[in-house]
Every structure is written in C-alpha cells, then in structure tokens.
C-alpha cells in the first residue's frame, strides 16, 4: 500500500531560513530597545537637562506602551492582517526613533519613546503569529520558536553592549538613529518574504469594551511598576494604580467569560483546552525558559490565532 509523501520542511528551504532570520531580527529590534538606552542615560540627562525623577521615563515610557498595547496589537493583527500591522508597527518604530534622535527637550524624547513602544507592541505579536502559521506543527515550529525565543534573551543583553558602543562612539543620539536604518532593512525583508493577506475579520466584530479594559489595565499596571522604583511600593499612588489595574483586568476576564461578546479579545472558555488538545507537544515547551522570556507575545499570539483552534 502506497504511503503519502512526507510534507517537505519549509525551514529546510532557503526561503524558510530567511523568513526565520527576518522574524528573529524583528524580535531583536523590539527587545533591544528596552535596554539600549540604559548606558546612554547619563549623557541624555546632561544634554537634555533631565531631572533624576523624569530620567526614569526614558526607559519606562517604552515599557509602558510596549506592555500596555501588546494584546491590542495582537487583536489588530487578527482584524487587519498580520503583514499590514507588522509594516505599520515597523514604520512607527522607525519614525519615532528618528524623532527621538533629533529631540531637543525631554518631552519630545519621552513622547518618541512612547511611540516606539506602540510600534513594538504592533510588531511583536504580528511577527510571532506569522512565525507560528508559516512553520508547520512539529519540528519546524518547535525549532523556529526556540530560536526566536533565544534571540529575545540575547537582545536584552546585547542592548546594553550596543548602547555603550554607540554612546561612547558617535554619541547617544545614535542609540535612536540606528533604529530607522534597521527598520528600512526589515521592511525590505517583509515585502520580499511575507505574503500579503486580506483583512481576516470584519471590524464590526471588534470587542471595544474588552480592548479598553485590557489595555487600560496593562497600562496602569506597567505604570505602577515603573513609578514604584522612585516613589516607593507603599506610596498611595502606587497602591491605587495597582488596585485600579487589577480591577480593570478582572473586568476584562468577566467580559470574556461566556456568554462572550462577538469578537471577544480572548476566548477563555475554549482557548486553553483547545490549544493543549491540538498541540500536546507544546505543553512542556510552553514552560521552557526561552518561551517564558517572551510570554506576553505568546499570549497575543493566542489571541490572533484563536479561530484556527476553534472547531468548525
């Protein structure tokens, strides 16, 4: 009896390797921006006359919008198309980085860092969703996710080194100017290697209430974590922000429980069980160190792919 021919490995092809390299470059660009400015902070403070209290927001502003808009970025990819959102996020990251490099005041630089975080929050869930749908279930996908997660950990450490080299060399502004150059290269790769797609879901299915609750909750939570280092964990503002964040996130969970609104952001009643049912080999990998380095993007990837795991 004839057996079906095995499906060829896409990762084994030249295009597959280039696609994985591109997606890893996107992850590297997003993760490195969280730490690349650390060594440049003294120079930034001296040139732009930052106070000690406001200097924390050069790093914190990026983390605030990056963490706060991550799930919303994943939902946008679900509704509008992965490549479209990935391109928009890359452009936003490049443009905001260029503005940050030209900044003459602390307000402009912090604003640019806020926009950088929004761009990164659009890029990362879209890139991870592309990765999990491009590489088929099994060895290809496991290898791709392992490499992708490893790059995220490497980028966090490399950001400090690159920031020091750029600050001591051409100056701290090149910590920002390097991103537009990288964004142009990434955009070229996206248009060459990532196929376009039609909008994946009607906009009328967008769960506005859920999006507001989860985004507001994440923004407040990250804000509390960032400010607690300067004002203290026992400060009333820190406690209030954490309490408000938890209230919004609990409201989000309640909003997503059955009966769910059309286009709910996360299908809580089916998502986890169906993911583990259809991906038994991923149970241990779900808890692996490499994947845990980037677990917020994995949560966003579940959001953008839930229809693929739902029974017809």
Protein backbone atom coordinates (compact mmCIF):
# COMPACT_ATOMS: atom_id res chain seq x y z
CA UNK A 1 0.00 0.00 0.00
CA UNK A 2 1.46 3.33 -1.04
CA UNK A 3 2.16 5.82 1.71
CA UNK A 4 1.67 9.55 1.38
CA UNK A 5 4.79 11.50 0.65
CA UNK A 6 6.01 13.48 3.68
CA UNK A 7 5.41 17.21 3.60
CA UNK A 8 8.72 18.94 2.87
CA UNK A 9 10.19 21.11 5.60
CA UNK A 10 9.80 24.80 4.87
CA UNK A 11 12.51 25.56 7.41
CA UNK A 12 14.87 23.43 5.34
CA UNK A 13 14.48 25.72 2.34
CA UNK A 14 16.43 28.91 1.70
CA UNK A 15 13.25 31.00 1.89
CA UNK A 16 12.30 29.35 5.18
CA UNK A 17 15.67 30.16 6.74
CA UNK A 18 15.46 33.75 5.51
CA UNK A 19 11.92 34.09 6.87
CA UNK A 20 13.01 32.86 10.29
CA UNK A 21 16.02 35.20 10.22
CA UNK A 22 13.71 38.12 9.41
CA UNK A 23 11.28 37.31 12.22
CA UNK A 24 14.19 36.94 14.65
CA UNK A 25 15.52 40.32 13.52
CA UNK A 26 12.13 41.86 14.32
CA UNK A 27 12.18 40.31 17.80
CA UNK A 28 15.76 41.51 18.30
CA UNK A 29 14.82 45.06 17.29
CA UNK A 30 11.90 45.16 19.71
CA UNK A 31 13.67 43.64 22.70
CA UNK A 32 16.90 45.58 22.26
CA UNK A 33 15.07 48.91 22.50
CA UNK A 34 14.12 48.15 26.09
CA UNK A 35 17.77 48.18 27.23
CA UNK A 36 19.82 50.01 24.61
CA UNK A 37 19.28 53.43 26.22
CA UNK A 38 20.47 52.37 29.69
CA UNK A 39 24.14 53.24 29.19
CA UNK A 40 23.17 56.47 27.41
CA UNK A 41 21.13 57.82 30.33
CA UNK A 42 23.91 59.98 31.88
CA UNK A 43 24.62 61.60 28.50
CA UNK A 44 20.91 62.14 27.85
CA UNK A 45 20.45 63.72 31.26
CA UNK A 46 23.37 66.09 30.71
CA UNK A 47 22.39 67.16 27.16
CA UNK A 48 18.62 67.49 27.64
CA UNK A 49 18.70 68.60 31.30
CA UNK A 50 16.56 65.77 32.64
CA UNK A 51 15.79 65.64 36.34
CA UNK A 52 16.57 62.43 38.19
CA UNK A 53 12.83 61.75 38.59
CA UNK A 54 11.98 62.21 34.91
CA UNK A 55 15.03 60.32 33.61
CA UNK A 56 13.38 57.01 34.54
CA UNK A 57 10.78 57.64 31.83
CA UNK A 58 13.36 57.37 29.04
CA UNK A 59 13.22 53.64 29.73
CA UNK A 60 9.80 53.49 31.37
CA UNK A 61 7.89 55.19 28.55
CA UNK A 62 8.86 52.44 26.12
CA UNK A 63 7.96 49.68 28.58
CA UNK A 64 4.65 51.37 29.40
CA UNK A 65 3.20 51.38 25.89
CA UNK A 66 5.01 48.19 24.84
CA UNK A 67 3.42 46.17 27.62
CA UNK A 68 0.15 48.09 27.64
CA UNK A 69 -0.68 47.74 23.95
CA UNK A 70 0.67 44.21 23.35
CA UNK A 71 -2.67 42.39 23.39
CA UNK A 72 -4.34 45.14 21.41
CA UNK A 73 -1.58 44.81 18.81
CA UNK A 74 -2.31 41.10 18.56
CA UNK A 75 -6.02 41.76 18.09
CA UNK A 76 -5.27 44.36 15.42
CA UNK A 77 -3.26 41.76 13.51
CA UNK A 78 -6.24 39.43 13.74
CA UNK A 79 -8.62 42.01 12.31
CA UNK A 80 -6.47 43.86 9.81
CA UNK A 81 -3.92 41.27 8.69
CA UNK A 82 -0.55 40.29 10.10
CA UNK A 83 1.69 41.82 7.45
CA UNK A 84 -0.27 45.07 7.39
CA UNK A 85 0.09 45.54 11.16
CA UNK A 86 3.73 44.43 11.07
CA UNK A 87 4.55 47.02 8.41
CA UNK A 88 2.67 49.78 10.25
CA UNK A 89 4.45 48.99 13.52
CA UNK A 90 7.87 48.92 11.85
CA UNK A 91 7.25 52.30 10.20
CA UNK A 92 6.04 53.78 13.50
CA UNK A 93 9.10 52.44 15.34
CA UNK A 94 11.47 53.84 12.72
CA UNK A 95 9.85 57.27 12.51
CA UNK A 96 9.53 57.69 16.28
CA UNK A 97 13.17 56.65 16.74
CA UNK A 98 14.27 59.27 14.23
CA UNK A 99 12.26 61.91 16.11
CA UNK A 100 13.83 60.75 19.38
CA UNK A 101 17.30 61.12 17.89
CA UNK A 102 16.54 64.74 16.99
CA UNK A 103 14.92 65.53 20.36
CA UNK A 104 15.96 68.80 21.94
CA UNK A 105 13.79 68.54 25.05
CA UNK A 106 12.91 65.82 27.50
CA UNK A 107 9.23 65.95 26.48
CA UNK A 108 10.00 65.17 22.83
CA UNK A 109 12.28 62.28 23.76
CA UNK A 110 9.77 60.73 26.17
CA UNK A 111 6.99 61.15 23.58
CA UNK A 112 9.16 59.42 20.99
CA UNK A 113 9.81 56.56 23.39
CA UNK A 114 6.07 56.17 24.00
CA UNK A 115 5.51 55.86 20.25
CA UNK A 116 8.40 53.41 19.96
CA UNK A 117 6.62 51.18 22.45
CA UNK A 118 3.37 51.31 20.48
CA UNK A 119 5.23 50.35 17.31
CA UNK A 120 6.95 47.44 19.03
CA UNK A 121 3.62 46.28 20.51
CA UNK A 122 2.24 46.10 16.97
CA UNK A 123 5.28 44.32 15.54
CA UNK A 124 5.94 41.54 18.01
CA UNK A 125 2.54 39.75 18.20
CA UNK A 126 2.17 40.04 14.42
CA UNK A 127 5.64 38.58 13.88
CA UNK A 128 5.01 35.69 16.29
CA UNK A 129 1.68 34.95 14.65
CA UNK A 130 3.40 34.85 11.24
CA UNK A 131 6.02 32.50 12.67
CA UNK A 132 3.51 30.01 14.09
CA UNK A 133 1.43 29.93 10.91
CA UNK A 134 4.38 29.83 8.50
CA UNK A 135 6.17 26.88 10.09
CA UNK A 136 4.07 23.73 10.32
CA UNK A 137 3.32 21.95 13.58
CA UNK A 138 6.14 19.71 14.73
CA UNK A 139 9.91 20.01 14.46
CA UNK A 140 9.86 23.09 12.21
CA UNK A 141 7.69 25.11 14.56
CA UNK A 142 9.49 23.96 17.70
CA UNK A 143 12.85 24.88 16.20
CA UNK A 144 11.58 28.26 14.99
CA UNK A 145 10.04 29.17 18.37
CA UNK A 146 13.17 28.05 20.21
CA UNK A 147 15.43 30.18 18.02
CA UNK A 148 13.02 33.11 18.19
CA UNK A 149 12.82 32.97 21.99
CA UNK A 150 16.59 32.70 22.30
CA UNK A 151 17.04 35.82 20.21
CA UNK A 152 14.76 37.70 22.62
CA UNK A 153 17.02 36.84 25.55
CA UNK A 154 20.15 37.68 23.58
CA UNK A 155 18.75 41.07 22.53
CA UNK A 156 18.17 42.18 26.11
CA UNK A 157 21.84 41.63 26.92
CA UNK A 158 23.11 42.94 23.57
CA UNK A 159 21.17 46.19 24.05
CA UNK A 160 23.43 47.22 26.93
CA UNK A 161 26.57 46.48 24.90
CA UNK A 162 25.33 48.25 21.77
CA UNK A 163 24.17 51.22 23.79
CA UNK A 164 27.61 51.59 25.34
CA UNK A 165 29.41 51.34 21.98
CA UNK A 166 27.14 53.92 20.34
CA UNK A 167 27.18 56.32 23.30
CA UNK A 168 30.98 56.27 23.58
CA UNK A 169 31.37 56.47 19.80
CA UNK A 170 29.12 58.72 17.69
CA UNK A 171 27.01 59.78 20.69
CA UNK A 172 23.79 58.88 22.47
CA UNK A 173 21.57 60.11 19.62
CA UNK A 174 22.75 57.16 17.54
CA UNK A 175 21.05 54.90 20.06
CA UNK A 176 17.91 56.26 18.37
CA UNK A 177 19.20 56.78 14.83
CA UNK A 178 20.20 53.13 14.45
CA UNK A 179 16.54 52.06 14.53
CA UNK A 180 15.39 53.79 11.32
CA UNK A 181 18.23 52.11 9.43
CA UNK A 182 17.26 48.72 10.86
CA UNK A 183 13.57 49.42 10.14
CA UNK A 184 14.29 50.04 6.44
CA UNK A 185 16.11 46.71 6.18
CA UNK A 186 13.27 44.94 8.00
CA UNK A 187 10.66 46.49 5.70
CA UNK A 188 12.55 45.29 2.64
CA UNK A 189 12.59 41.80 4.08
CA UNK A 190 8.88 41.90 4.94
CA UNK A 191 7.84 42.83 1.41
CA UNK A 192 10.14 40.21 -0.08
CA UNK A 193 9.38 37.28 2.22
CA UNK A 194 5.98 37.77 3.89
CA UNK A 195 2.89 37.28 1.74
CA UNK A 196 0.12 39.84 1.94
CA UNK A 197 -3.36 38.85 3.07
CA UNK A 198 -6.87 40.15 3.07
CA UNK A 199 -8.38 41.54 6.22
CA UNK A 200 -9.02 38.49 8.36
CA UNK A 201 -12.16 39.54 10.24
CA UNK A 202 -14.84 42.24 9.94
CA UNK A 203 -14.24 45.30 12.07
CA UNK A 204 -17.77 45.08 13.46
CA UNK A 205 -16.57 42.03 15.45
CA UNK A 206 -14.08 44.16 17.38
CA UNK A 207 -14.70 43.90 21.13
CA UNK A 208 -14.26 47.56 22.12
CA UNK A 209 -15.10 47.05 25.80
CA UNK A 210 -12.62 44.21 26.17
CA UNK A 211 -9.91 46.17 24.36
CA UNK A 212 -10.39 49.20 26.62
CA UNK A 213 -10.37 47.10 29.79
CA UNK A 214 -7.26 45.04 28.99
CA UNK A 215 -5.28 47.94 27.52
CA UNK A 216 -6.16 50.26 30.38
CA UNK A 217 -5.36 47.57 32.93
CA UNK A 218 -1.98 46.77 31.38
CA UNK A 219 -1.06 50.45 31.03
CA UNK A 220 -1.86 51.12 34.68
CA UNK A 221 -0.03 48.01 35.85
CA UNK A 222 3.16 48.83 33.93
CA UNK A 223 2.91 52.45 35.07
CA UNK A 224 2.75 51.32 38.69
CA UNK A 225 5.74 49.02 38.26
CA UNK A 226 7.81 51.77 36.61
CA UNK A 227 7.00 54.52 39.12
CA UNK A 228 7.30 52.31 42.21
CA UNK A 229 11.09 52.37 41.92
CA UNK A 230 11.12 56.13 42.53
CA UNK A 231 8.10 56.83 44.75
CA UNK A 232 8.05 53.55 46.67
CA UNK A 233 5.82 50.49 46.78
CA UNK A 234 3.95 51.75 49.83
CA UNK A 235 3.05 55.08 48.22
CA UNK A 236 -0.69 55.69 47.85
CA UNK A 237 -0.27 56.40 44.13
CA UNK A 238 1.44 53.06 43.54
CA UNK A 239 -1.17 51.14 45.54
CA UNK A 240 -4.00 52.98 43.80
CA UNK A 241 -2.59 52.32 40.33
CA UNK A 242 -2.13 48.61 41.05
CA UNK A 243 -5.64 48.34 42.52
CA UNK A 244 -7.16 50.11 39.50
CA UNK A 245 -5.16 47.91 37.12
CA UNK A 246 -6.35 44.73 38.84
CA UNK A 247 -9.94 45.99 38.78
CA UNK A 248 -9.77 46.62 35.03
CA UNK A 249 -8.14 43.25 34.35
CA UNK A 250 -10.75 41.44 36.45
CA UNK A 251 -13.40 43.32 34.50
CA UNK A 252 -11.73 42.13 31.30
CA UNK A 253 -11.86 38.49 32.46
CA UNK A 254 -15.53 38.84 33.37
CA UNK A 255 -16.23 40.45 30.00
CA UNK A 256 -14.64 37.48 28.21
CA UNK A 257 -16.47 34.75 30.14
CA UNK A 258 -19.47 33.06 28.47
CA UNK A 259 -21.70 34.35 27.05
CA UNK A 260 -18.95 36.27 25.25
CA UNK A 261 -19.42 39.33 23.05
CA UNK A 262 -18.89 38.92 19.33
CA UNK A 263 -15.20 39.19 18.53
CA UNK A 264 -14.14 38.82 22.15
CA UNK A 265 -10.45 39.52 22.61
CA UNK A 266 -9.71 36.12 24.22
CA UNK A 267 -11.91 33.01 24.13
CA UNK A 268 -11.31 31.99 27.75
CA UNK A 269 -13.80 29.14 27.81
CA UNK A 270 -12.17 27.21 24.95
CA UNK A 271 -8.74 28.64 24.22
CA UNK A 272 -6.52 26.88 26.75
CA UNK A 273 -8.16 23.46 26.47
CA UNK A 274 -8.13 23.53 22.68
CA UNK A 275 -4.55 24.77 22.48
CA UNK A 276 -3.29 21.91 24.65
CA UNK A 277 -5.54 19.41 22.88
CA UNK A 278 -4.26 20.30 19.42
CA UNK A 279 -0.66 20.98 20.48
CA UNK A 280 0.27 18.28 23.03
CA UNK A 281 3.95 18.56 22.11
CA UNK A 282 3.92 22.22 23.20
CA UNK A 283 2.93 21.55 26.84
CA UNK A 284 6.49 21.32 28.11
CA UNK A 285 7.80 23.93 25.69
CA UNK A 286 5.13 26.34 26.95
CA UNK A 287 7.02 26.42 30.24
CA UNK A 288 10.52 26.40 28.76
CA UNK A 289 12.91 29.19 29.57
CA UNK A 290 13.13 30.52 26.03
CA UNK A 291 9.39 30.87 25.63
CA UNK A 292 8.97 32.37 29.09
CA UNK A 293 11.34 35.15 28.02
CA UNK A 294 8.59 36.34 25.70
CA UNK A 295 5.34 35.06 27.24
CA UNK A 296 3.36 38.28 26.64
CA UNK A 297 3.79 37.89 22.86
CA UNK A 298 2.71 34.26 23.17
CA UNK A 299 -0.47 35.41 24.85
CA UNK A 300 -1.02 37.84 22.00
CA UNK A 301 -0.33 35.07 19.50
CA UNK A 302 -3.12 33.03 21.08
CA UNK A 303 -5.44 35.97 20.58
CA UNK A 304 -4.64 36.32 16.90
CA UNK A 305 -4.90 32.59 16.19
CA UNK A 306 -7.88 31.51 18.29
CA UNK A 307 -10.09 30.94 15.25
CA UNK A 308 -7.63 28.37 13.95
CA UNK A 309 -8.02 26.33 17.15
CA UNK A 310 -11.84 26.58 17.34
CA UNK A 311 -13.84 23.69 15.98
CA UNK A 312 -15.86 24.49 12.80
